PDB file of N, CA and C in Angstrom:
ATOM      1  N   MET A   1     -74.479  69.054  76.028  1.00  0.00           N
ATOM      2  CA  MET A   1     -73.820  68.738  74.784  1.00  0.00           C
ATOM      3  C   MET A   1     -74.896  68.401  73.770  1.00  0.00           C
ATOM      4  N   LYS A   2     -74.608  68.691  72.502  1.00  0.00           N
ATOM      5  CA  LYS A   2     -75.584  68.464  71.445  1.00  0.00           C
ATOM      6  C   LYS A   2     -75.249  67.193  70.673  1.00  0.00           C
ATOM      7  N   ILE A   3     -76.283  66.357  70.503  1.00  0.00           N
ATOM      8  CA  ILE A   3     -76.181  65.177  69.648  1.00  0.00           C
ATOM      9  C   ILE A   3     -77.417  65.190  68.749  1.00  0.00           C
ATOM     10  N   PHE A   4     -77.486  64.255  67.845  1.00  0.00           N
ATOM     11  CA  PHE A   4     -78.647  64.135  66.977  1.00  0.00           C
ATOM     12  C   PHE A   4     -79.275  62.761  67.211  1.00  0.00           C
ATOM     13  N   VAL A   5     -80.569  62.746  67.482  1.00  0.00           N
ATOM     14  CA  VAL A   5     -81.298  61.500  67.698  1.00  0.00           C
ATOM     15  C   VAL A   5     -82.361  61.407  66.610  1.00  0.00           C
ATOM     16  N   ASN A   6     -82.215  60.417  65.744  1.00  0.00           N
ATOM     17  CA  ASN A   6     -83.117  60.260  64.602  1.00  0.00           C
ATOM     18  C   ASN A   6     -83.234  61.566  63.813  1.00  0.00           C
ATOM     19  N   GLY A   7     -82.093  62.247  63.644  1.00  0.00           N
ATOM     20  CA  GLY A   7     -82.034  63.458  62.852  1.00  0.00           C
ATOM     21  C   GLY A   7     -82.418  64.736  63.572  1.00  0.00           C
ATOM     22  N   VAL A   8     -82.832  64.642  64.828  1.00  0.00           N
ATOM     23  CA  VAL A   8     -83.263  65.812  65.590  1.00  0.00           C
ATOM     24  C   VAL A   8     -82.172  66.203  66.578  1.00  0.00           C
ATOM     25  N   GLU A   9     -81.749  67.479  66.510  1.00  0.00           N
ATOM     26  CA  GLU A   9     -80.739  67.954  67.461  1.00  0.00           C
ATOM     27  C   GLU A   9     -81.311  67.879  68.872  1.00  0.00           C
ATOM     28  N   THR A  10     -80.543  67.269  69.773  1.00  0.00           N
ATOM     29  CA  THR A  10     -80.996  67.026  71.138  1.00  0.00           C
ATOM     30  C   THR A  10     -79.892  67.425  72.109  1.00  0.00           C
ATOM     31  N   GLU A  11     -80.254  68.134  73.146  1.00  0.00           N
ATOM     32  CA  GLU A  11     -79.303  68.548  74.180  1.00  0.00           C
ATOM     33  C   GLU A  11     -79.336  67.522  75.302  1.00  0.00           C
ATOM     34  N   VAL A  12     -78.163  66.976  75.650  1.00  0.00           N
ATOM     35  CA  VAL A  12     -78.056  66.009  76.741  1.00  0.00           C
ATOM     36  C   VAL A  12     -76.895  66.416  77.644  1.00  0.00           C
ATOM     37  N   PRO A  13     -76.929  65.990  78.900  1.00  0.00           N
ATOM     38  CA  PRO A  13     -75.823  66.320  79.805  1.00  0.00           C
ATOM     39  C   PRO A  13     -74.541  65.594  79.389  1.00  0.00           C
ATOM     40  N   PRO A  14     -73.374  66.218  79.600  1.00  0.00           N
ATOM     41  CA  PRO A  14     -72.116  65.512  79.350  1.00  0.00           C
ATOM     42  C   PRO A  14     -72.081  64.231  80.184  1.00  0.00           C
ATOM     43  N   GLY A  15     -71.481  63.184  79.640  1.00  0.00           N
ATOM     44  CA  GLY A  15     -71.393  61.911  80.346  1.00  0.00           C
ATOM     45  C   GLY A  15     -72.605  61.027  80.162  1.00  0.00           C
ATOM     46  N   THR A  16     -73.483  61.377  79.221  1.00  0.00           N
ATOM     47  CA  THR A  16     -74.677  60.572  78.973  1.00  0.00           C
ATOM     48  C   THR A  16     -74.302  59.304  78.215  1.00  0.00           C
ATOM     49  N   ASN A  17     -74.820  58.167  78.690  1.00  0.00           N
ATOM     50  CA  ASN A  17     -74.610  56.914  77.968  1.00  0.00           C
ATOM     51  C   ASN A  17     -75.899  56.559  77.216  1.00  0.00           C
ATOM     52  N   VAL A  18     -75.864  55.495  76.431  1.00  0.00           N
ATOM     53  CA  VAL A  18     -77.017  55.120  75.620  1.00  0.00           C
ATOM     54  C   VAL A  18     -78.228  54.813  76.490  1.00  0.00           C
ATOM     55  N   SER A  19     -78.033  54.105  77.602  1.00  0.00           N
ATOM     56  CA  SER A  19     -79.160  53.786  78.490  1.00  0.00           C
ATOM     57  C   SER A  19     -79.850  55.045  78.977  1.00  0.00           C
ATOM     58  N   ARG A  20     -79.073  56.015  79.419  1.00  0.00           N
ATOM     59  CA  ARG A  20     -79.644  57.278  79.916  1.00  0.00           C
ATOM     60  C   ARG A  20     -80.350  58.027  78.795  1.00  0.00           C
ATOM     61  N   LEU A  21     -79.759  58.044  77.601  1.00  0.00           N
ATOM     62  CA  LEU A  21     -80.387  58.733  76.475  1.00  0.00           C
ATOM     63  C   LEU A  21     -81.744  58.112  76.162  1.00  0.00           C
ATOM     64  N   LEU A  22     -81.841  56.782  76.200  1.00  0.00           N
ATOM     65  CA  LEU A  22     -83.124  56.130  75.947  1.00  0.00           C
ATOM     66  C   LEU A  22     -84.160  56.553  76.990  1.00  0.00           C
ATOM     67  N   GLU A  23     -83.737  56.735  78.234  1.00  0.00           N
ATOM     68  CA  GLU A  23     -84.648  57.248  79.263  1.00  0.00           C
ATOM     69  C   GLU A  23     -85.086  58.672  78.927  1.00  0.00           C
ATOM     70  N   ILE A  24     -84.139  59.505  78.502  1.00  0.00           N
ATOM     71  CA  ILE A  24     -84.434  60.903  78.183  1.00  0.00           C
ATOM     72  C   ILE A  24     -85.474  61.004  77.069  1.00  0.00           C
ATOM     73  N   VAL A  25     -85.331  60.180  76.037  1.00  0.00           N
ATOM     74  CA  VAL A  25     -86.265  60.242  74.906  1.00  0.00           C
ATOM     75  C   VAL A  25     -87.464  59.305  75.102  1.00  0.00           C
ATOM     76  N   GLN A  26     -87.568  58.724  76.294  1.00  0.00           N
ATOM     77  CA  GLN A  26     -88.689  57.881  76.692  1.00  0.00           C
ATOM     78  C   GLN A  26     -88.873  56.682  75.763  1.00  0.00           C
ATOM     79  N   GLU A  27     -87.774  55.986  75.519  1.00  0.00           N
ATOM     80  CA  GLU A  27     -87.785  54.747  74.746  1.00  0.00           C
ATOM     81  C   GLU A  27     -87.380  53.611  75.676  1.00  0.00           C
ATOM     82  N   SER A  28     -88.135  52.554  75.677  1.00  0.00           N
ATOM     83  CA  SER A  28     -87.776  51.369  76.452  1.00  0.00           C
ATOM     84  C   SER A  28     -87.059  50.395  75.535  1.00  0.00           C
ATOM     85  N   PRO A  29     -85.866  49.940  75.914  1.00  0.00           N
ATOM     86  CA  PRO A  29     -85.150  48.987  75.063  1.00  0.00           C
ATOM     87  C   PRO A  29     -85.968  47.706  74.872  1.00  0.00           C
ATOM     88  N   THR A  30     -86.041  47.246  73.637  1.00  0.00           N
ATOM     89  CA  THR A  30     -86.737  46.000  73.322  1.00  0.00           C
ATOM     90  C   THR A  30     -85.870  45.192  72.371  1.00  0.00           C
ATOM     91  N   SER A  31     -86.228  43.933  72.211  1.00  0.00           N
ATOM     92  CA  SER A  31     -85.483  43.090  71.274  1.00  0.00           C
ATOM     93  C   SER A  31     -85.795  43.458  69.823  1.00  0.00           C
ATOM     94  N   GLU A  32     -86.825  44.260  69.589  1.00  0.00           N
ATOM     95  CA  GLU A  32     -87.182  44.701  68.237  1.00  0.00           C
ATOM     96  C   GLU A  32     -86.612  46.084  67.928  1.00  0.00           C
ATOM     97  N   MET A  33     -85.631  46.522  68.700  1.00  0.00           N
ATOM     98  CA  MET A  33     -85.051  47.852  68.521  1.00  0.00           C
ATOM     99  C   MET A  33     -83.556  47.730  68.243  1.00  0.00           C
ATOM    100  N   ILE A  34     -83.094  48.536  67.316  1.00  0.00           N
ATOM    101  CA  ILE A  34     -81.665  48.621  67.006  1.00  0.00           C
ATOM    102  C   ILE A  34     -81.209  50.041  67.308  1.00  0.00           C
ATOM    103  N   VAL A  35     -80.036  50.160  67.920  1.00  0.00           N
ATOM    104  CA  VAL A  35     -79.434  51.472  68.164  1.00  0.00           C
ATOM    105  C   VAL A  35     -78.134  51.545  67.388  1.00  0.00           C
ATOM    106  N   GLU A  36     -77.972  52.644  66.653  1.00  0.00           N
ATOM    107  CA  GLU A  36     -76.732  52.917  65.930  1.00  0.00           C
ATOM    108  C   GLU A  36     -76.206  54.264  66.386  1.00  0.00           C
ATOM    109  N   ILE A  37     -74.897  54.358  66.501  1.00  0.00           N
ATOM    110  CA  ILE A  37     -74.247  55.642  66.740  1.00  0.00           C
ATOM    111  C   ILE A  37     -73.234  55.821  65.636  1.00  0.00           C
ATOM    112  N   ASN A  38     -73.380  56.910  64.903  1.00  0.00           N
ATOM    113  CA  ASN A  38     -72.486  57.216  63.778  1.00  0.00           C
ATOM    114  C   ASN A  38     -72.372  56.017  62.831  1.00  0.00           C
ATOM    115  N   ARG A  39     -73.538  55.426  62.550  1.00  0.00           N
ATOM    116  CA  ARG A  39     -73.675  54.302  61.610  1.00  0.00           C
ATOM    117  C   ARG A  39     -73.025  53.006  62.083  1.00  0.00           C
ATOM    118  N   ARG A  40     -72.791  52.893  63.380  1.00  0.00           N
ATOM    119  CA  ARG A  40     -72.239  51.654  63.947  1.00  0.00           C
ATOM    120  C   ARG A  40     -73.248  51.083  64.924  1.00  0.00           C
ATOM    121  N   PHE A  41     -73.547  49.799  64.758  1.00  0.00           N
ATOM    122  CA  PHE A  41     -74.486  49.100  65.628  1.00  0.00           C
ATOM    123  C   PHE A  41     -73.952  49.076  67.060  1.00  0.00           C
ATOM    124  N   VAL A  42     -74.837  49.292  68.033  1.00  0.00           N
ATOM    125  CA  VAL A  42     -74.478  49.226  69.447  1.00  0.00           C
ATOM    126  C   VAL A  42     -75.240  48.047  70.061  1.00  0.00           C
ATOM    127  N   HIS A  43     -74.523  47.090  70.616  1.00  0.00           N
ATOM    128  CA  HIS A  43     -75.148  45.936  71.263  1.00  0.00           C
ATOM    129  C   HIS A  43     -75.839  46.376  72.552  1.00  0.00           C
ATOM    130  N   ALA A  44     -77.016  45.828  72.802  1.00  0.00           N
ATOM    131  CA  ALA A  44     -77.794  46.192  73.989  1.00  0.00           C
ATOM    132  C   ALA A  44     -77.010  45.981  75.281  1.00  0.00           C
ATOM    133  N   GLU A  45     -76.138  44.959  75.297  1.00  0.00           N
ATOM    134  CA  GLU A  45     -75.359  44.684  76.514  1.00  0.00           C
ATOM    135  C   GLU A  45     -74.375  45.812  76.845  1.00  0.00           C
ATOM    136  N   THR A  46     -74.088  46.673  75.870  1.00  0.00           N
ATOM    137  CA  THR A  46     -73.103  47.735  76.102  1.00  0.00           C
ATOM    138  C   THR A  46     -73.735  49.118  76.264  1.00  0.00           C
ATOM    139  N   TYR A  47     -75.060  49.215  76.316  1.00  0.00           N
ATOM    140  CA  TYR A  47     -75.717  50.522  76.439  1.00  0.00           C
ATOM    141  C   TYR A  47     -75.196  51.309  77.644  1.00  0.00           C
ATOM    142  N   ASP A  48     -74.986  50.629  78.780  1.00  0.00           N
ATOM    143  CA  ASP A  48     -74.527  51.327  79.990  1.00  0.00           C
ATOM    144  C   ASP A  48     -73.090  51.835  79.854  1.00  0.00           C
ATOM    145  N   ARG A  49     -72.286  51.175  79.028  1.00  0.00           N
ATOM    146  CA  ARG A  49     -70.868  51.544  78.875  1.00  0.00           C
ATOM    147  C   ARG A  49     -70.593  52.431  77.666  1.00  0.00           C
ATOM    148  N   THR A  50     -71.579  52.591  76.792  1.00  0.00           N
ATOM    149  CA  THR A  50     -71.363  53.358  75.564  1.00  0.00           C
ATOM    150  C   THR A  50     -71.708  54.816  75.816  1.00  0.00           C
ATOM    151  N   MET A  51     -70.666  55.638  75.889  1.00  0.00           N
ATOM    152  CA  MET A  51     -70.831  57.057  76.183  1.00  0.00           C
ATOM    153  C   MET A  51     -71.016  57.840  74.893  1.00  0.00           C
ATOM    154  N   LEU A  52     -71.889  58.820  74.946  1.00  0.00           N
ATOM    155  CA  LEU A  52     -72.128  59.685  73.793  1.00  0.00           C
ATOM    156  C   LEU A  52     -71.182  60.874  73.839  1.00  0.00           C
ATOM    157  N   LYS A  53     -70.811  61.341  72.641  1.00  0.00           N
ATOM    158  CA  LYS A  53     -69.912  62.488  72.520  1.00  0.00           C
ATOM    159  C   LYS A  53     -70.605  63.589  71.720  1.00  0.00           C
ATOM    160  N   GLU A  54     -70.149  64.800  71.919  1.00  0.00           N
ATOM    161  CA  GLU A  54     -70.663  65.964  71.183  1.00  0.00           C
ATOM    162  C   GLU A  54     -70.716  65.648  69.691  1.00  0.00           C
ATOM    163  N   GLY A  55     -71.878  65.917  69.087  1.00  0.00           N
ATOM    164  CA  GLY A  55     -72.031  65.756  67.650  1.00  0.00           C
ATOM    165  C   GLY A  55     -72.375  64.344  67.190  1.00  0.00           C
ATOM    166  N   ASP A  56     -72.439  63.374  68.119  1.00  0.00           N
ATOM    167  CA  ASP A  56     -72.797  62.006  67.715  1.00  0.00           C
ATOM    168  C   ASP A  56     -74.164  62.010  67.039  1.00  0.00           C
ATOM    169  N   ARG A  57     -74.321  61.078  66.103  1.00  0.00           N
ATOM    170  CA  ARG A  57     -75.593  60.874  65.419  1.00  0.00           C
ATOM    171  C   ARG A  57     -76.111  59.489  65.792  1.00  0.00           C
ATOM    172  N   MET A  58     -77.186  59.486  66.557  1.00  0.00           N
ATOM    173  CA  MET A  58     -77.758  58.244  67.061  1.00  0.00           C
ATOM    174  C   MET A  58     -79.075  57.971  66.356  1.00  0.00           C
ATOM    175  N   GLU A  59     -79.235  56.754  65.912  1.00  0.00           N
ATOM    176  CA  GLU A  59     -80.482  56.325  65.287  1.00  0.00           C
ATOM    177  C   GLU A  59     -81.099  55.235  66.150  1.00  0.00           C
ATOM    178  N   ILE A  60     -82.380  55.382  66.446  1.00  0.00           N
ATOM    179  CA  ILE A  60     -83.149  54.361  67.156  1.00  0.00           C
ATOM    180  C   ILE A  60     -84.121  53.801  66.123  1.00  0.00           C
ATOM    181  N   ILE A  61     -83.932  52.534  65.787  1.00  0.00           N
ATOM    182  CA  ILE A  61     -84.692  51.920  64.719  1.00  0.00           C
ATOM    183  C   ILE A  61     -85.564  50.813  65.313  1.00  0.00           C
ATOM    184  N   HIS A  62     -86.847  50.868  65.022  1.00  0.00           N
ATOM    185  CA  HIS A  62     -87.782  49.833  65.461  1.00  0.00           C
ATOM    186  C   HIS A  62     -88.042  48.906  64.284  1.00  0.00           C
ATOM    187  N   LEU A  63     -87.783  47.631  64.499  1.00  0.00           N
ATOM    188  CA  LEU A  63     -88.001  46.656  63.441  1.00  0.00           C
ATOM    189  C   LEU A  63     -89.487  46.380  63.275  1.00  0.00           C
ATOM    190  N   ALA A  64     -89.930  46.346  62.036  1.00  0.00           N
ATOM    191  CA  ALA A  64     -91.320  46.019  61.729  1.00  0.00           C
ATOM    192  C   ALA A  64     -91.331  44.711  60.969  1.00  0.00           C
ATOM    193  N   MET A  65     -91.988  43.742  61.546  1.00  0.00           N
ATOM    194  CA  MET A  65     -92.058  42.421  60.899  1.00  0.00           C
ATOM    195  C   MET A  65     -93.426  42.266  60.255  1.00  0.00           C
ATOM    196  N   GLY A  66     -93.446  41.590  59.183  1.00  0.00           N
ATOM    197  CA  GLY A  66     -94.720  41.359  58.517  1.00  0.00           C
ATOM    198  C   GLY A  66     -94.572  40.292  57.457  1.00  0.00           C
ATOM    199  N   GLY A  67     -95.662  40.005  56.810  1.00  0.00           N
ATOM    200  CA  GLY A  67     -95.573  38.952  55.825  1.00  0.00           C
ATOM    201  C   GLY A  67     -96.344  39.249  54.586  1.00  0.00           C
TER     202      GLY A  67
END
């Protein structure tokens, strides 16, 4: 199935959840990372239960702190 990750079309197996997708794109979940699907924030505690659907748009955002 095709989804978009940070604007890039990506092919993933049907039944992929957020945790598996992060493994596929080689991202390790951190407290400085935000995941959005279709402009909705996804809580880290629900990554295993949040299933991706055809055409979803997922954004992986890394927070940059500075002063």
